[in-house]
Structures are given as structure tokens and as C-alpha cells.
């Protein structure tokens, strides 16, 4: 039985949003099957599908991310290739693995969130997590953000359970999912550190006996993360020397808040959306103090603080250490904002508040989906064009020099019919970087000018990231013949 007619209508609306979410998910799957595309960083993920787990961890360690997401993608590779000896489409595999975290989140929304907070909170969260921000596209991109969002969500939900009825089991589950999140993306780890700090402050003020379990959970997480801390230190040193992220400007800072709703809009539109986001945060904070923790306002506040804390740490680190924070790193915490908002909104009056707000969300969702579907179509067309170019140079008559580990991983597998070198040296032969042994049997770099004579009947290409400073010898001329994403392909010629 329903306590009121409002509760009945809320349940009907929540169930409708769950059904609508399934239709949107079906559209997403249809698009990445019929209109496959590659985000620039997906090429790195795709390159790691060709190597062993040990080699993947090694390459991840010299990149800038932890390894769990790549391990997650290698599981079906081992099953399909190692056990059943089946061929598979790498792009399709990545897309399927990218959407699986949302499927898990949908199930969690339909079960745990629906049970704890009601049909409306669960349905609205499932729907907004596909249609707001750039989530629709993100759940079809083979990168770690959807998986990181799943782990942050699970940690958040167990933290909420702990606030209501703490137990050591829940603290250990919080530690487990936090550890998984930290091994998935560093800014998921930042959100989790913020979560633990808030829990510490809460129990310090209200239930100090629970600090023992907080300490156990914290120590378990830290001890199990120690094996990766040395790698993290080396990655930070590498990033401090050179990194591609630019300084945070007022434009990017505003976008951190406006991206809750959408991305890639005009600056004035971002300001407007950021004001709406901050206004929602203020309302939640005021409601929390007014309700004294009732009506789940404390849960909503916790979600908002994780989001704001992630921004604060990212901006602080970018100013005192090195610019390392961009909008898409905020995506997992943005998902928690929409859960907090869904829980918060579900407590209001149905006709006066919920209906108008949901109508606005539906309209905004339609706008977002339209734009992202157009982007997917454009990216698909770009992939077709890029693949045609790569196919045109991927033959026995080509020698390709790929500068840098990341680009080597990006393109080696798509240039498998060519002779591929990992970098070049001048006058004196040098060993190739150790990552090349995972993809290619060559242990030397392309040596100038000697190898020009060795491959005088072949075409030599040089591949490097746009904007990089490459000091070619004076006796080598180069002509741009193509570009894939931010990578330029030059045809090299030795001046006799």
C-alpha cells in the first residue's frame, strides 16, 4: 500500500524512467554496433589487447594510469583467443566492455537504490546517467571512466549504508570497492579519499567508537595499494617533466560545473549551467541544515561534497604541481552528483516540484542525445577515413618509424604489415625502447642515414604527435601525407 497518492505517482514515474533508460541503452548499443568509432585514447586500449597481462602492467606503469581497466578488457581476450581460439573485432569488444559498467549500474539502480531510496530515485538516476553530461558517449568509449564510476558508486552506496547502520563488513566492502576504484583511475581515488575524510569527520563528531572500523578499512586499503605506490611516484615524476594537459583557465573551471549537464557548449551557456549547478548545491546544503539529517539530505550532501572535493584537489594539484586535471577526469564524481540529486529530488512534492524538474531533464536529455548522436556519426565517418589512410600505407613496401610509447601502442597493430621501428637514431645504432619487444621483434631504432640505404626501395614514414619537437637531420626531408587524431604522418626522403 502507498502512504500517499504522491508516493504512487512517484513510483509510476520511476518505473517509466527505468523503461526509458532501457530504450536509450538500446540506442547506444545500436549506434556503436552500426556506427563504430574510435576515441583518440581508445587506440591505446586497443593496442594493449595484443599483449599479455604482465606486459600490459609494464606498459601501464610507464603511462599515466593504473592497470585495472586494461586487465578488465583482457579477460574476454583470454577467453575468446586463449580458450576458444576465436577471432573477434577489437573495436566491438572495447565498446561492449565499456557499456557493461552501465548495465551493472542499471541493475544496482533497479535493486539496491530502488530498495533504499524508492523507484523514482533509482529510475531518475538510471536515466540521467545516460542522458546528461556526455555519459551517452562515454559509455561507448573504451576507457576507464565508466568502470571507475561503477566502483565509486558502489563505495558511495556502502558509505551511505555505514552512515545508517555501520558494521565491519560494510567497512571492508567499502575498502574493497575503494581499492578497485583507485586501481582504475587516480581521480576516482581522489573522490574516495574525500569520502573517507568526510566519514572520519562525521564519526569523530557523532560516534567515535566507529573510528576503529574506519581505521581498519583505511589501513586495509592503503596496504593493498602499496604495490602500486612506487609506480605512482615514478609516473608523477614523468608527468612533472612533460605532460600534455594545459593550465586551468576560467573557461575550464566553469566547465567543471557546467559539465554536470552537458559538455562542449559556449562559454556563456556554461556560465549559466554552472550557476544552476551551484544553486542546486546550495539548496541541498541548506536543506541538510534545515532537516538535521532527515529525508536523506545527509546522503545527498555527501555526494555533492565528493564532487566538490574532487574539483578542489584537481585544481590545487594543477596549480602547485603540474596541470593534471581535465573535465573528463571528473566524470565518475559527476555520476555521484546525479545519484545525490535523484535521491534529493525524490523527497519533494510530486506535482509542484518533481514533475516540472523531470520535464526540464527530459527536454535537456533530448538535446544532449541529439548532439551526441551527431558526434558519434561524425566520429564514425572520421574512423572510416582514418582507416582508409592507415590501410593505404600498411603494406610490405612501407617502413614506419613511430615516436614514443603511446603512439607506438596506438598504431603498431594497425600497421602490422609494415616494418615498424620504435623511434630513430642518427649516425649510431641504438637499442629500441623496451616496450617495442612486446609488439615487434626489432631491438634497434631506425638509424639515419644507414637504414635509408637498407630500405631504399621502400617508403619511409615518420609518425609523431602534433606539436612535438622533432629534430630531423638536415639531410632528411619530410612531407605531411596524413593525420589521424592528433598524430601526423610524414613521408621521409633521404637527400642524396
Protein backbone atom coordinates (compact mmCIF):
# COMPACT_ATOMS: atom_id res chain seq x y z
CA UNK A 1 0.00 0.00 0.00
CA UNK A 2 1.13 3.55 -0.71
CA UNK A 3 1.34 6.10 2.11
CA UNK A 4 0.02 8.80 -0.21
CA UNK A 5 -1.07 9.43 -3.78
CA UNK A 6 2.25 11.25 -4.27
CA UNK A 7 4.18 8.06 -3.49
CA UNK A 8 2.08 6.13 -6.01
CA UNK A 9 2.79 8.63 -8.79
CA UNK A 10 6.48 8.76 -7.87
CA UNK A 11 6.71 5.00 -8.30
CA UNK A 12 4.93 5.16 -11.67
CA UNK A 13 7.31 7.87 -12.86
CA UNK A 14 10.36 5.98 -11.61
CA UNK A 15 9.30 2.79 -13.41
CA UNK A 16 8.69 4.79 -16.60
CA UNK A 17 12.19 6.26 -16.37
CA UNK A 18 13.67 2.78 -15.99
CA UNK A 19 11.87 1.70 -19.17
CA UNK A 20 13.01 4.85 -20.98
CA UNK A 21 16.58 4.16 -19.84
CA UNK A 22 16.44 0.75 -21.49
CA UNK A 23 15.39 2.35 -24.78
CA UNK A 24 18.29 4.81 -24.57
CA UNK A 25 20.69 1.99 -23.75
CA UNK A 26 19.38 0.06 -26.74
CA UNK A 27 20.01 3.10 -28.94
CA UNK A 28 23.56 3.34 -27.61
CA UNK A 29 24.27 -0.32 -28.38
CA UNK A 30 22.72 0.03 -31.84
CA UNK A 31 24.94 3.02 -32.62
CA UNK A 32 28.25 1.52 -31.56
CA UNK A 33 27.44 -1.67 -33.50
CA UNK A 34 26.33 0.11 -36.69
CA UNK A 35 28.48 3.24 -36.37
CA UNK A 36 31.72 2.14 -34.68
CA UNK A 37 34.19 4.88 -33.89
CA UNK A 38 37.46 5.31 -32.02
CA UNK A 39 38.13 7.97 -29.42
CA UNK A 40 41.78 9.04 -29.59
CA UNK A 41 42.77 7.20 -26.38
CA UNK A 42 40.89 4.05 -27.36
CA UNK A 43 43.74 3.29 -29.73
CA UNK A 44 45.93 2.77 -26.68
CA UNK A 45 43.37 0.39 -25.14
CA UNK A 46 43.14 -1.48 -28.43
CA UNK A 47 46.92 -1.82 -28.63
CA UNK A 48 47.06 -3.43 -25.20
CA UNK A 49 44.65 -6.19 -26.29
CA UNK A 50 47.52 -7.79 -28.23
CA UNK A 51 49.85 -8.41 -25.29
CA UNK A 52 49.99 -10.42 -22.06
CA UNK A 53 48.83 -9.30 -18.64
CA UNK A 54 52.42 -8.87 -17.44
CA UNK A 55 53.34 -6.79 -20.48
CA UNK A 56 50.16 -4.71 -20.03
CA UNK A 57 51.09 -3.88 -16.43
CA UNK A 58 54.59 -2.87 -17.58
CA UNK A 59 53.26 -0.53 -20.27
CA UNK A 60 50.61 0.91 -17.95
CA UNK A 61 53.31 1.62 -15.38
CA UNK A 62 55.21 3.81 -17.86
CA UNK A 63 51.98 5.54 -18.90
CA UNK A 64 49.88 7.67 -16.52
CA UNK A 65 47.08 5.34 -15.42
CA UNK A 66 46.67 2.36 -13.08
CA UNK A 67 46.10 -1.07 -14.69
CA UNK A 68 42.73 -2.46 -13.55
CA UNK A 69 40.67 -1.22 -16.50
CA UNK A 70 43.07 -2.79 -19.01
CA UNK A 71 43.02 -6.05 -17.04
CA UNK A 72 39.22 -5.90 -17.21
CA UNK A 73 39.47 -5.76 -21.02
CA UNK A 74 41.99 -8.59 -21.23
CA UNK A 75 39.62 -11.08 -19.56
CA UNK A 76 37.40 -11.60 -22.65
CA UNK A 77 40.52 -11.60 -24.85
CA UNK A 78 41.93 -14.54 -22.90
CA UNK A 79 38.57 -16.32 -23.08
CA UNK A 80 37.96 -15.75 -26.79
CA UNK A 81 41.52 -16.13 -28.03
CA UNK A 82 43.22 -18.31 -25.44
CA UNK A 83 40.45 -20.79 -24.62
CA UNK A 84 38.16 -20.87 -27.66
CA UNK A 85 40.73 -19.69 -30.28
CA UNK A 86 38.16 -17.33 -31.79
CA UNK A 87 38.77 -14.20 -33.82
CA UNK A 88 37.00 -11.04 -32.69
CA UNK A 89 36.54 -7.39 -33.58
CA UNK A 90 38.66 -5.37 -31.16
CA UNK A 91 36.59 -2.21 -31.51
CA UNK A 92 33.33 -4.03 -30.83
CA UNK A 93 34.89 -5.81 -27.85
CA UNK A 94 36.01 -2.49 -26.34
CA UNK A 95 32.56 -1.00 -26.83
CA UNK A 96 30.87 -3.95 -25.15
CA UNK A 97 33.26 -3.80 -22.21
CA UNK A 98 32.65 -0.04 -21.96
CA UNK A 99 28.87 -0.41 -21.70
CA UNK A 100 28.98 -3.26 -19.16
CA UNK A 101 29.58 -0.90 -16.20
CA UNK A 102 26.36 0.92 -17.09
CA UNK A 103 24.49 -2.40 -17.26
CA UNK A 104 25.80 -3.13 -13.75
CA UNK A 105 24.78 0.36 -12.59
CA UNK A 106 21.31 -0.12 -14.09
CA UNK A 107 20.91 -3.36 -12.13
CA UNK A 108 22.12 -1.64 -8.96
CA UNK A 109 19.64 1.18 -9.58
CA UNK A 110 16.82 -1.31 -10.07
CA UNK A 111 17.70 -3.27 -6.93
CA UNK A 112 19.68 -1.58 -4.17
CA UNK A 113 18.98 2.08 -4.98
CA UNK A 114 15.30 1.39 -5.66
CA UNK A 115 15.00 -0.58 -2.42
CA UNK A 116 16.81 2.03 -0.29
CA UNK A 117 15.52 5.25 -1.86
CA UNK A 118 12.48 4.38 -3.97
CA UNK A 119 11.52 3.81 -7.59
CA UNK A 120 11.84 7.48 -8.53
CA UNK A 121 15.39 7.88 -7.21
CA UNK A 122 16.51 4.68 -8.95
CA UNK A 123 14.76 5.41 -12.25
CA UNK A 124 15.87 9.04 -12.42
CA UNK A 125 19.46 8.08 -11.68
CA UNK A 126 19.47 5.31 -14.32
CA UNK A 127 18.08 7.77 -16.87
CA UNK A 128 20.28 10.79 -16.13
CA UNK A 129 23.38 8.61 -16.09
CA UNK A 130 22.87 8.03 -19.81
CA UNK A 131 21.44 11.34 -20.94
CA UNK A 132 23.12 14.14 -19.01
CA UNK A 133 26.70 15.41 -19.39
CA UNK A 134 28.37 13.29 -22.11
CA UNK A 135 27.52 9.99 -20.45
CA UNK A 136 25.80 8.64 -23.56
CA UNK A 137 29.05 8.77 -25.50
CA UNK A 138 31.23 7.88 -22.53
CA UNK A 139 29.53 4.52 -22.04
CA UNK A 140 30.60 3.53 -25.54
CA UNK A 141 34.24 4.64 -25.26
CA UNK A 142 36.80 2.02 -24.33
CA UNK A 143 38.41 3.89 -21.45
CA UNK A 144 38.36 3.59 -17.67
CA UNK A 145 35.82 6.27 -16.71
CA UNK A 146 32.63 4.12 -16.73
CA UNK A 147 34.33 1.37 -14.70
CA UNK A 148 35.71 3.97 -12.29
CA UNK A 149 32.20 5.38 -11.95
CA UNK A 150 30.85 1.93 -11.06
CA UNK A 151 33.41 1.42 -8.29
CA UNK A 152 32.92 4.94 -6.92
CA UNK A 153 29.15 4.37 -6.90
CA UNK A 154 29.49 1.08 -5.01
CA UNK A 155 31.83 2.67 -2.47
CA UNK A 156 29.42 5.58 -2.06
CA UNK A 157 26.44 3.28 -1.51
CA UNK A 158 28.26 1.29 1.16
CA UNK A 159 29.34 4.54 2.80
CA UNK A 160 25.66 5.53 2.91
CA UNK A 161 24.85 2.16 4.50
CA UNK A 162 27.56 2.80 7.08
CA UNK A 163 26.05 6.17 7.94
CA UNK A 164 22.70 4.49 8.59
CA UNK A 165 23.84 1.28 10.28
CA UNK A 166 27.61 0.75 10.49
CA UNK A 167 29.28 -2.68 10.61
CA UNK A 168 32.78 -4.03 9.99
CA UNK A 169 31.51 -5.99 6.95
CA UNK A 170 30.32 -2.78 5.29
CA UNK A 171 33.61 -1.04 6.09
CA UNK A 172 35.55 -3.88 4.45
CA UNK A 173 33.28 -3.78 1.38
CA UNK A 174 33.88 -0.03 1.23
CA UNK A 175 37.63 -0.71 1.34
CA UNK A 176 37.35 -3.32 -1.44
CA UNK A 177 35.43 -1.14 -3.87
CA UNK A 178 37.61 1.85 -3.00
CA UNK A 179 40.70 -0.20 -3.78
CA UNK A 180 39.19 -1.24 -7.13
CA UNK A 181 38.40 2.41 -7.89
CA UNK A 182 41.93 3.55 -7.00
CA UNK A 183 43.39 0.88 -9.30
CA UNK A 184 41.09 2.12 -12.10
CA UNK A 185 41.74 5.89 -12.18
CA UNK A 186 43.59 8.29 -9.92
CA UNK A 187 40.79 10.84 -9.78
CA UNK A 188 38.42 8.11 -8.68
CA UNK A 189 40.95 7.59 -5.89
CA UNK A 190 40.77 11.33 -5.11
CA UNK A 191 36.98 11.13 -4.74
CA UNK A 192 37.38 8.13 -2.46
CA UNK A 193 39.91 9.92 -0.27
CA UNK A 194 37.41 12.77 0.07
CA UNK A 195 34.76 10.19 1.03
CA UNK A 196 36.96 8.69 3.75
CA UNK A 197 37.81 12.14 5.14
CA UNK A 198 34.11 13.05 5.36
CA UNK A 199 33.33 9.76 7.11
CA UNK A 200 36.15 10.39 9.58
CA UNK A 201 34.81 13.86 10.40
CA UNK A 202 31.26 12.52 10.72
CA UNK A 203 32.14 9.75 13.16
CA UNK A 204 34.59 11.95 15.05
CA UNK A 205 31.69 14.28 15.80
CA UNK A 206 28.87 11.76 16.26
CA UNK A 207 30.15 8.24 17.00
CA UNK A 208 33.83 7.95 17.94
CA UNK A 209 33.55 4.24 18.65
CA UNK A 210 33.14 3.71 14.90
CA UNK A 211 36.57 5.25 14.22
CA UNK A 212 38.13 1.86 14.93
CA UNK A 213 36.36 0.35 11.92
CA UNK A 214 37.22 3.43 9.88
CA UNK A 215 40.88 2.85 10.71
CA UNK A 216 40.70 -0.85 9.80
CA UNK A 217 39.08 -0.03 6.46
CA UNK A 218 41.64 2.69 5.73
CA UNK A 219 44.65 0.55 6.62
CA UNK A 220 43.38 -2.39 4.53
CA UNK A 221 43.01 -0.11 1.51
CA UNK A 222 46.42 1.52 1.92
CA UNK A 223 48.27 -1.76 2.48
CA UNK A 224 46.74 -3.33 -0.62
CA UNK A 225 47.59 -0.23 -2.69
CA UNK A 226 51.24 -0.14 -1.60
CA UNK A 227 52.42 -2.31 -4.55
CA UNK A 228 51.36 0.46 -6.93
CA UNK A 229 52.62 3.46 -4.92
CA UNK A 230 56.18 3.22 -6.28
CA UNK A 231 54.76 3.17 -9.81
CA UNK A 232 52.60 6.18 -8.99
CA UNK A 233 55.68 8.04 -7.74
CA UNK A 234 57.54 7.32 -11.00
CA UNK A 235 54.52 8.38 -13.05
CA UNK A 236 54.29 11.67 -11.15
CA UNK A 237 57.98 12.36 -11.83
CA UNK A 238 57.42 11.66 -15.52
CA UNK A 239 54.35 13.91 -15.65
CA UNK A 240 56.19 16.70 -13.84
CA UNK A 241 58.82 16.68 -16.57
CA UNK A 242 56.41 16.79 -19.51
CA UNK A 243 52.65 16.43 -19.89
CA UNK A 244 50.04 17.39 -22.45
CA UNK A 245 47.40 18.98 -20.19
CA UNK A 246 47.26 22.79 -20.29
CA UNK A 247 46.85 25.20 -17.38
CA UNK A 248 43.36 25.56 -15.94
CA UNK A 249 41.72 28.79 -17.06
CA UNK A 250 38.43 30.35 -16.01
CA UNK A 251 36.85 28.67 -19.06
CA UNK A 252 37.86 25.19 -17.87
CA UNK A 253 36.96 25.98 -14.26
CA UNK A 254 33.42 26.97 -15.23
CA UNK A 255 33.16 23.83 -17.36
CA UNK A 256 33.85 21.63 -14.33
CA UNK A 257 30.43 22.68 -13.01
CA UNK A 258 28.51 23.07 -16.26
CA UNK A 259 29.62 19.62 -17.44
CA UNK A 260 27.17 18.13 -14.95
CA UNK A 261 24.55 18.93 -17.59
CA UNK A 262 26.42 18.95 -20.89
CA UNK A 263 29.85 19.49 -22.43
CA UNK A 264 31.29 21.49 -25.32
CA UNK A 265 28.82 24.38 -25.18
CA UNK A 266 29.53 28.10 -25.48
CA UNK A 267 31.20 29.89 -22.57
CA UNK A 268 28.15 31.99 -21.64
CA UNK A 269 25.96 28.87 -21.74
CA UNK A 270 28.48 27.15 -19.47
CA UNK A 271 28.28 30.04 -17.01
CA UNK A 272 24.50 29.76 -16.94
CA UNK A 273 24.64 26.00 -16.37
CA UNK A 274 27.35 26.36 -13.73
CA UNK A 275 25.15 28.84 -11.84
CA UNK A 276 22.31 26.31 -11.92
CA UNK A 277 24.64 23.57 -10.63
CA UNK A 278 25.95 25.73 -7.78
CA UNK A 279 22.39 26.79 -6.94
CA UNK A 280 21.36 23.13 -6.63
CA UNK A 281 24.33 22.50 -4.34
CA UNK A 282 23.37 25.45 -2.14
CA UNK A 283 19.75 24.23 -1.90
CA UNK A 284 20.96 20.76 -0.88
CA UNK A 285 23.27 22.22 1.76
CA UNK A 286 20.55 24.48 3.17
CA UNK A 287 18.08 21.59 3.16
CA UNK A 288 20.60 19.48 5.06
CA UNK A 289 20.98 22.03 7.84
CA UNK A 290 17.24 22.62 7.99
CA UNK A 291 16.33 18.92 8.11
CA UNK A 292 19.14 17.94 10.51
CA UNK A 293 19.95 14.83 8.54
CA UNK A 294 16.37 13.79 7.77
CA UNK A 295 14.91 12.88 4.37
CA UNK A 296 18.27 11.59 3.16
CA UNK A 297 19.66 15.13 2.89
CA UNK A 298 22.87 13.88 4.51
CA UNK A 299 23.28 11.31 1.70
CA UNK A 300 22.73 13.95 -0.96
CA UNK A 301 25.20 16.28 0.75
CA UNK A 302 27.83 13.52 0.84
CA UNK A 303 27.56 13.05 -2.94
CA UNK A 304 27.92 16.78 -3.59
CA UNK A 305 30.97 17.03 -1.31
CA UNK A 306 32.72 14.18 -3.15
CA UNK A 307 32.23 16.09 -6.41
CA UNK A 308 33.39 19.43 -4.97
CA UNK A 309 36.30 17.80 -3.17
CA UNK A 310 37.50 16.17 -6.39
CA UNK A 311 37.46 19.56 -8.14
CA UNK A 312 39.29 21.19 -5.22
CA UNK A 313 42.07 18.59 -5.20
CA UNK A 314 42.39 18.56 -9.00
CA UNK A 315 42.64 22.36 -9.23
CA UNK A 316 45.04 22.57 -6.28
CA UNK A 317 47.37 19.90 -7.71
CA UNK A 318 47.26 21.56 -11.12
CA UNK A 319 48.49 24.85 -9.65
CA UNK A 320 51.12 23.62 -7.17
CA UNK A 321 52.43 20.56 -9.04
CA UNK A 322 51.57 20.41 -12.74
CA UNK A 323 48.36 20.80 -14.77
CA UNK A 324 46.86 17.31 -14.47
CA UNK A 325 43.09 17.89 -14.29
CA UNK A 326 40.57 17.98 -17.14
CA UNK A 327 36.79 17.71 -17.34
CA UNK A 328 36.54 14.04 -18.26
CA UNK A 329 38.52 13.06 -15.13
CA UNK A 330 35.55 14.39 -13.18
CA UNK A 331 33.06 12.04 -14.84
CA UNK A 332 32.87 9.38 -12.07
CA UNK A 333 32.20 12.03 -9.43
CA UNK A 334 29.63 13.63 -11.74
CA UNK A 335 27.76 10.33 -11.71
CA UNK A 336 27.59 10.54 -7.91
CA UNK A 337 26.12 14.05 -8.22
CA UNK A 338 23.24 12.69 -10.28
CA UNK A 339 22.60 9.97 -7.71
CA UNK A 340 22.62 12.57 -4.94
CA UNK A 341 20.27 14.79 -6.95
CA UNK A 342 17.93 11.87 -7.73
CA UNK A 343 17.68 10.92 -4.06
CA UNK A 344 17.19 14.55 -3.04
CA UNK A 345 14.53 15.33 -5.66
CA UNK A 346 12.52 12.18 -4.89
CA UNK A 347 11.60 13.59 -1.45
CA UNK A 348 9.78 16.65 -2.80
CA UNK A 349 6.13 17.15 -3.72
CA UNK A 350 5.22 15.34 -6.92
CA UNK A 351 3.16 17.90 -8.85
CA UNK A 352 4.75 21.19 -7.77
CA UNK A 353 8.44 20.21 -7.86
CA UNK A 354 9.13 16.78 -9.32
CA UNK A 355 7.03 16.98 -12.49
CA UNK A 356 8.45 20.37 -13.67
CA UNK A 357 12.02 19.33 -12.90
CA UNK A 358 11.70 15.97 -14.67
CA UNK A 359 10.16 17.68 -17.71
CA UNK A 360 13.18 20.00 -17.90
CA UNK A 361 15.51 17.00 -17.56
CA UNK A 362 13.69 15.18 -20.37
CA UNK A 363 13.98 18.19 -22.66
CA UNK A 364 17.65 18.64 -21.82
CA UNK A 365 18.24 14.92 -22.32
CA UNK A 366 16.74 15.08 -25.80
CA UNK A 367 19.05 17.98 -26.62
CA UNK A 368 22.09 16.10 -25.27
CA UNK A 369 21.26 12.88 -27.08
CA UNK A 370 20.75 14.68 -30.36
CA UNK A 371 24.17 16.32 -30.12
CA UNK A 372 25.98 13.17 -29.05
CA UNK A 373 24.38 11.05 -31.76
CA UNK A 374 25.58 13.61 -34.30
CA UNK A 375 29.08 13.42 -32.74
CA UNK A 376 29.08 9.63 -32.97
CA UNK A 377 28.14 9.80 -36.65
CA UNK A 378 30.94 12.32 -37.32
CA UNK A 379 33.44 10.22 -35.40
CA UNK A 380 32.38 7.14 -37.33
CA UNK A 381 32.99 8.95 -40.63
CA UNK A 382 36.39 10.08 -39.34
CA UNK A 383 37.27 6.49 -38.38
CA UNK A 384 36.42 5.26 -41.88
CA UNK A 385 38.62 7.95 -43.40
CA UNK A 386 41.48 7.30 -40.96
CA UNK A 387 41.32 3.57 -41.53
CA UNK A 388 41.47 4.05 -45.29
CA UNK A 389 44.64 6.08 -44.86
CA UNK A 390 46.26 3.55 -42.50
CA UNK A 391 45.36 0.71 -44.85
CA UNK A 392 46.95 2.61 -47.73
CA UNK A 393 50.36 2.65 -46.04
CA UNK A 394 50.12 -0.70 -44.24
CA UNK A 395 51.97 -2.93 -46.69
CA UNK A 396 55.30 -4.66 -47.31
CA UNK A 397 56.64 -1.59 -49.09
CA UNK A 398 56.36 0.62 -46.01
CA UNK A 399 58.74 1.32 -43.16
CA UNK A 400 57.11 3.20 -40.28
CA UNK A 401 59.00 4.96 -37.50
CA UNK A 402 56.71 5.63 -34.53
CA UNK A 403 57.94 8.14 -31.99
CA UNK A 404 57.09 7.44 -28.34
CA UNK A 405 55.50 4.59 -26.40
CA UNK A 406 51.91 5.86 -26.52
CA UNK A 407 51.85 6.33 -30.29
CA UNK A 408 53.66 3.04 -30.77
CA UNK A 409 50.89 1.26 -28.86
CA UNK A 410 48.26 3.29 -30.76
CA UNK A 411 49.34 2.32 -34.26
CA UNK A 412 51.58 -0.74 -34.25
CA UNK A 413 48.69 -3.18 -34.52
CA UNK A 414 47.13 -1.25 -37.41
CA UNK A 415 50.43 -1.18 -39.29
CA UNK A 416 51.18 -4.87 -38.82
CA UNK A 417 52.03 -5.48 -42.49
CA UNK A 418 54.71 -2.77 -42.42
CA UNK A 419 58.20 -2.77 -40.96
CA UNK A 420 57.79 -0.83 -37.71
CA UNK A 421 60.51 0.89 -35.66
CA UNK A 422 60.18 2.44 -32.25
CA UNK A 423 61.98 5.74 -32.79
CA UNK A 424 65.12 6.68 -34.70
CA UNK A 425 68.78 7.47 -34.03
CA UNK A 426 71.33 9.46 -36.02
CA UNK A 427 74.66 8.00 -37.19
CA UNK A 428 74.99 5.42 -34.40
CA UNK A 429 72.63 2.44 -33.94
CA UNK A 430 70.78 2.44 -30.60
CA UNK A 431 68.56 -0.02 -28.83
CA UNK A 432 64.83 0.50 -29.14
CA UNK A 433 62.80 1.21 -26.02
CA UNK A 434 61.89 -1.95 -24.12
CA UNK A 435 58.17 -1.61 -24.91
CA UNK A 436 58.85 -2.46 -28.56
CA UNK A 437 59.68 -6.07 -27.69
CA UNK A 438 56.06 -6.63 -26.70
CA UNK A 439 54.83 -5.80 -30.21
CA UNK A 440 57.73 -6.23 -32.62
CA UNK A 441 60.84 -8.40 -32.92
CA UNK A 442 63.15 -5.46 -33.66
CA UNK A 443 65.53 -4.36 -30.91
CA UNK A 444 67.06 -1.38 -32.75
CA UNK A 445 65.83 2.04 -33.74
CA UNK A 446 65.80 3.19 -37.35
CA UNK A 447 69.34 4.50 -37.95
CA UNK A 448 69.90 7.54 -40.17
CA UNK A 449 71.34 7.56 -42.78
CA UNK A 450 72.27 3.85 -42.92
CA UNK A 451 68.75 2.43 -42.92
CA UNK A 452 67.72 4.67 -45.80
CA UNK A 453 70.13 2.69 -47.94
CA UNK A 454 68.88 -0.56 -46.45
CA UNK A 455 65.29 0.32 -47.36
CA UNK A 456 65.95 2.34 -50.50
CA UNK A 457 63.17 0.52 -52.37
CA UNK A 458 60.61 1.17 -49.65
CA UNK A 459 58.70 4.24 -48.48
CA UNK A 460 59.70 5.52 -45.03
CA UNK A 461 57.08 7.20 -42.82
CA UNK A 462 57.56 9.01 -39.56
CA UNK A 463 54.71 9.18 -37.02
CA UNK A 464 54.63 11.62 -34.14
CA UNK A 465 52.24 13.66 -32.04
CA UNK A 466 51.24 17.07 -33.36
CA UNK A 467 53.14 19.81 -31.56
CA UNK A 468 56.11 17.63 -30.60
CA UNK A 469 59.59 18.96 -31.29
CA UNK A 470 61.41 16.56 -33.60
CA UNK A 471 64.96 17.40 -34.71
CA UNK A 472 65.40 15.75 -38.08
CA UNK A 473 68.87 15.67 -39.66
CA UNK A 474 69.45 18.24 -42.38
CA UNK A 475 69.82 15.52 -45.00
CA UNK A 476 66.25 14.25 -44.41
CA UNK A 477 63.29 15.99 -45.99
CA UNK A 478 59.72 15.34 -44.84
CA UNK A 479 56.27 15.84 -46.30
CA UNK A 480 52.99 15.54 -44.44
CA UNK A 481 50.85 12.81 -46.00
CA UNK A 482 48.15 12.28 -43.38
CA UNK A 483 46.85 12.86 -39.89
CA UNK A 484 44.95 10.55 -37.51
CA UNK A 485 43.53 12.30 -34.48
CA UNK A 486 46.43 14.39 -33.12
CA UNK A 487 49.09 12.29 -34.85
CA UNK A 488 50.86 13.44 -38.00
CA UNK A 489 52.27 11.07 -40.62
CA UNK A 490 55.27 12.33 -42.58
CA UNK A 491 56.88 10.75 -45.63
CA UNK A 492 60.66 10.92 -45.20
CA UNK A 493 63.17 11.18 -48.01
CA UNK A 494 66.92 10.94 -47.83
CA UNK A 495 68.66 13.72 -49.75
CA UNK A 496 71.36 12.07 -51.86
